[in-house]
Amino acid sequence: MSTQFKAAASYQQLTRRIQRQIARARDREQYAVTVYRFDEDDPIAWERMLNEFEELEDVSVDRVGAAEALVTWNAAETEAAS
């Protein structure tokens, strides 16, 4: 299996896990979630995902450390876009 394929698979698994975590927070009407990079997560995929969050309007990412970040979003703006 190529390194590029492994990285893509790792990115997809990581983003699915974080998307589920965000969805659970939204279901509870929470507008922030702390996300963690696990040891098995590719650090490059982690950075890519956080960078993509940072590019979204009404979303902010506060990096707590190399493997932790607080992702927050504006509830009113998010609901209006839905």
N, C-alpha and C. Protein backbone atom coordinates (compact mmCIF):
# COMPACT_ATOMS: atom_id res chain seq x y z
N MET A 1 0.85 -1.17 0.00
CA MET A 1 0.00 0.00 0.00
C MET A 1 0.90 1.23 0.00
N SER A 2 0.59 2.20 -0.86
CA SER A 2 1.44 3.37 -0.98
C SER A 2 1.26 4.30 0.22
N THR A 3 2.28 5.11 0.48
CA THR A 3 2.22 6.07 1.57
C THR A 3 1.11 7.09 1.34
N GLN A 4 0.94 7.50 0.08
CA GLN A 4 -0.09 8.47 -0.24
C GLN A 4 -1.48 7.90 0.06
N PHE A 5 -1.71 6.63 -0.27
CA PHE A 5 -3.00 6.00 0.01
C PHE A 5 -3.22 5.89 1.50
N LYS A 6 -2.19 5.51 2.26
CA LYS A 6 -2.32 5.42 3.72
C LYS A 6 -2.67 6.77 4.31
N ALA A 7 -2.02 7.84 3.83
CA ALA A 7 -2.30 9.18 4.34
C ALA A 7 -3.73 9.59 4.04
N ALA A 8 -4.21 9.27 2.84
CA ALA A 8 -5.58 9.62 2.48
C ALA A 8 -6.57 8.86 3.35
N ALA A 9 -6.30 7.58 3.58
CA ALA A 9 -7.18 6.77 4.43
C ALA A 9 -7.18 7.32 5.86
N SER A 10 -6.00 7.68 6.34
CA SER A 10 -5.89 8.22 7.68
C SER A 10 -6.66 9.53 7.79
N TYR A 11 -6.57 10.39 6.78
CA TYR A 11 -7.29 11.66 6.78
C TYR A 11 -8.79 11.42 6.80
N GLN A 12 -9.26 10.49 5.99
CA GLN A 12 -10.70 10.20 5.93
C GLN A 12 -11.21 9.65 7.27
N GLN A 13 -10.45 8.76 7.87
CA GLN A 13 -10.86 8.21 9.16
C GLN A 13 -10.88 9.30 10.23
N LEU A 14 -9.86 10.13 10.23
CA LEU A 14 -9.77 11.22 11.19
C LEU A 14 -10.94 12.18 11.04
N THR A 15 -11.21 12.61 9.82
CA THR A 15 -12.29 13.58 9.62
C THR A 15 -13.66 12.98 9.95
N ARG A 16 -13.86 11.71 9.65
CA ARG A 16 -15.14 11.08 10.02
C ARG A 16 -15.32 11.06 11.53
N ARG A 17 -14.25 10.73 12.25
CA ARG A 17 -14.33 10.69 13.71
C ARG A 17 -14.64 12.08 14.28
N ILE A 18 -13.97 13.09 13.77
CA ILE A 18 -14.18 14.45 14.28
C ILE A 18 -15.56 14.97 13.86
N GLN A 19 -16.01 14.64 12.66
CA GLN A 19 -17.35 15.06 12.22
C GLN A 19 -18.42 14.45 13.12
N ARG A 20 -18.25 13.20 13.51
CA ARG A 20 -19.22 12.58 14.42
C ARG A 20 -19.21 13.29 15.78
N GLN A 21 -18.04 13.65 16.24
CA GLN A 21 -17.92 14.34 17.52
C GLN A 21 -18.62 15.71 17.45
N ILE A 22 -18.43 16.43 16.36
CA ILE A 22 -19.07 17.74 16.19
C ILE A 22 -20.58 17.57 16.07
N ALA A 23 -21.03 16.55 15.35
CA ALA A 23 -22.47 16.31 15.21
C ALA A 23 -23.12 16.04 16.56
N ARG A 24 -22.45 15.25 17.40
CA ARG A 24 -22.99 14.98 18.74
C ARG A 24 -23.09 16.27 19.55
N ALA A 25 -22.09 17.13 19.45
CA ALA A 25 -22.12 18.41 20.16
C ALA A 25 -23.28 19.27 19.66
N ARG A 26 -23.46 19.33 18.35
CA ARG A 26 -24.57 20.13 17.79
C ARG A 26 -25.91 19.57 18.23
N ASP A 27 -26.03 18.25 18.31
CA ASP A 27 -27.28 17.64 18.76
C ASP A 27 -27.62 18.07 20.20
N ARG A 28 -26.59 18.33 20.98
CA ARG A 28 -26.78 18.78 22.37
C ARG A 28 -26.81 20.31 22.46
N GLU A 29 -26.87 20.95 21.29
CA GLU A 29 -26.87 22.41 21.19
C GLU A 29 -25.64 23.03 21.84
N GLN A 30 -24.50 22.37 21.65
CA GLN A 30 -23.22 22.90 22.07
C GLN A 30 -22.52 23.41 20.82
N TYR A 31 -21.76 24.47 20.97
CA TYR A 31 -21.14 25.09 19.81
C TYR A 31 -19.63 25.16 19.94
N ALA A 32 -19.11 24.19 20.66
CA ALA A 32 -17.67 24.04 20.81
C ALA A 32 -17.37 22.59 21.11
N VAL A 33 -16.22 22.15 20.65
CA VAL A 33 -15.80 20.78 20.93
C VAL A 33 -14.28 20.75 20.98
N THR A 34 -13.76 20.01 21.93
CA THR A 34 -12.31 19.80 22.00
C THR A 34 -12.00 18.52 21.25
N VAL A 35 -11.09 18.63 20.29
CA VAL A 35 -10.72 17.46 19.49
C VAL A 35 -9.28 17.08 19.81
N TYR A 36 -8.99 15.80 19.68
CA TYR A 36 -7.69 15.27 20.03
C TYR A 36 -7.13 14.44 18.89
N ARG A 37 -5.83 14.55 18.68
CA ARG A 37 -5.14 13.68 17.73
C ARG A 37 -4.63 12.48 18.52
N PHE A 38 -5.08 11.30 18.11
CA PHE A 38 -4.64 10.07 18.74
C PHE A 38 -3.27 9.68 18.19
N ASP A 39 -2.57 8.83 18.90
CA ASP A 39 -1.24 8.40 18.47
C ASP A 39 -1.26 7.79 17.08
N GLU A 40 -2.33 7.08 16.75
CA GLU A 40 -2.40 6.42 15.44
C GLU A 40 -2.79 7.37 14.31
N ASP A 41 -3.20 8.60 14.64
CA ASP A 41 -3.56 9.58 13.61
C ASP A 41 -2.31 10.16 12.96
N ASP A 42 -2.38 10.32 11.67
CA ASP A 42 -1.27 10.91 10.92
C ASP A 42 -1.17 12.40 11.25
N PRO A 43 -0.03 12.88 11.73
CA PRO A 43 0.12 14.30 12.07
C PRO A 43 -0.14 15.23 10.87
N ILE A 44 0.18 14.78 9.68
CA ILE A 44 -0.07 15.60 8.49
C ILE A 44 -1.57 15.71 8.23
N ALA A 45 -2.29 14.60 8.40
CA ALA A 45 -3.74 14.62 8.23
C ALA A 45 -4.38 15.52 9.29
N TRP A 46 -3.86 15.47 10.51
CA TRP A 46 -4.37 16.31 11.60
C TRP A 46 -4.23 17.79 11.24
N GLU A 47 -3.05 18.18 10.79
CA GLU A 47 -2.81 19.58 10.41
C GLU A 47 -3.70 19.99 9.25
N ARG A 48 -3.84 19.12 8.28
CA ARG A 48 -4.70 19.41 7.12
C ARG A 48 -6.13 19.66 7.58
N MET A 49 -6.64 18.81 8.45
CA MET A 49 -8.00 18.95 8.93
C MET A 49 -8.18 20.26 9.69
N LEU A 50 -7.26 20.57 10.60
CA LEU A 50 -7.38 21.82 11.35
C LEU A 50 -7.28 23.03 10.44
N ASN A 51 -6.40 22.98 9.46
CA ASN A 51 -6.29 24.10 8.51
C ASN A 51 -7.59 24.29 7.74
N GLU A 52 -8.23 23.20 7.37
CA GLU A 52 -9.50 23.31 6.65
C GLU A 52 -10.59 23.90 7.54
N PHE A 53 -10.60 23.53 8.82
CA PHE A 53 -11.55 24.15 9.75
C PHE A 53 -11.29 25.65 9.85
N GLU A 54 -10.02 26.03 9.92
CA GLU A 54 -9.67 27.44 10.07
C GLU A 54 -10.11 28.27 8.87
N GLU A 55 -10.25 27.65 7.72
CA GLU A 55 -10.67 28.37 6.52
C GLU A 55 -12.18 28.60 6.47
N LEU A 56 -12.94 27.89 7.31
CA LEU A 56 -14.39 28.02 7.30
C LEU A 56 -14.82 29.32 7.97
N GLU A 57 -15.80 29.96 7.37
CA GLU A 57 -16.36 31.16 7.96
C GLU A 57 -17.13 30.78 9.21
N ASP A 58 -17.06 31.60 10.24
CA ASP A 58 -17.78 31.40 11.50
C ASP A 58 -17.29 30.21 12.31
N VAL A 59 -16.08 29.72 12.00
CA VAL A 59 -15.47 28.63 12.77
C VAL A 59 -14.11 29.12 13.24
N SER A 60 -13.79 28.85 14.49
CA SER A 60 -12.45 29.18 14.96
C SER A 60 -11.81 27.95 15.58
N VAL A 61 -10.51 27.90 15.46
CA VAL A 61 -9.74 26.78 15.99
C VAL A 61 -8.67 27.36 16.91
N ASP A 62 -8.71 26.97 18.16
CA ASP A 62 -7.70 27.36 19.13
C ASP A 62 -6.88 26.13 19.45
N ARG A 63 -5.65 26.14 19.00
CA ARG A 63 -4.77 24.99 19.24
C ARG A 63 -4.27 25.04 20.66
N VAL A 64 -4.55 23.98 21.39
CA VAL A 64 -4.16 23.89 22.79
C VAL A 64 -2.77 23.29 22.91
N GLY A 65 -2.42 22.44 22.01
CA GLY A 65 -1.13 21.79 21.99
C GLY A 65 -0.96 21.12 20.64
N ALA A 66 0.03 20.26 20.53
CA ALA A 66 0.29 19.59 19.26
C ALA A 66 -0.80 18.58 18.91
N ALA A 67 -1.53 18.11 19.92
CA ALA A 67 -2.52 17.06 19.67
C ALA A 67 -3.89 17.39 20.23
N GLU A 68 -4.17 18.67 20.42
CA GLU A 68 -5.47 19.07 20.98
C GLU A 68 -5.84 20.44 20.43
N ALA A 69 -7.13 20.60 20.13
CA ALA A 69 -7.63 21.89 19.65
C ALA A 69 -9.08 22.08 20.06
N LEU A 70 -9.43 23.32 20.31
CA LEU A 70 -10.81 23.67 20.60
C LEU A 70 -11.41 24.27 19.34
N VAL A 71 -12.45 23.62 18.83
CA VAL A 71 -13.14 24.09 17.62
C VAL A 71 -14.47 24.69 18.08
N THR A 72 -14.69 25.95 17.73
CA THR A 72 -15.95 26.62 18.08
C THR A 72 -16.57 27.18 16.81
N TRP A 73 -17.89 27.34 16.86
CA TRP A 73 -18.59 27.90 15.71
C TRP A 73 -19.72 28.78 16.21
N ASN A 74 -20.09 29.72 15.37
CA ASN A 74 -21.17 30.66 15.67
C ASN A 74 -22.49 29.96 15.40
N ALA A 75 -23.26 29.73 16.43
CA ALA A 75 -24.51 28.97 16.31
C ALA A 75 -25.49 29.64 15.38
N ALA A 76 -25.68 30.94 15.50
CA ALA A 76 -26.67 31.64 14.67
C ALA A 76 -26.30 31.57 13.19
N GLU A 77 -25.04 31.77 12.87
CA GLU A 77 -24.59 31.71 11.48
C GLU A 77 -24.69 30.30 10.93
N THR A 78 -24.33 29.33 11.75
CA THR A 78 -24.38 27.92 11.31
C THR A 78 -25.80 27.51 11.03
N GLU A 79 -26.74 27.85 11.90
CA GLU A 79 -28.14 27.47 11.72
C GLU A 79 -28.75 28.18 10.51
N ALA A 80 -28.37 29.42 10.26
CA ALA A 80 -28.88 30.17 9.11
C ALA A 80 -28.42 29.55 7.81
N ALA A 81 -27.24 28.96 7.80
CA ALA A 81 -26.69 28.34 6.59
C ALA A 81 -27.29 26.97 6.33
N SER A 82 -27.92 26.36 7.34
CA SER A 82 -28.48 25.01 7.19
C SER A 82 -29.77 25.02 6.40
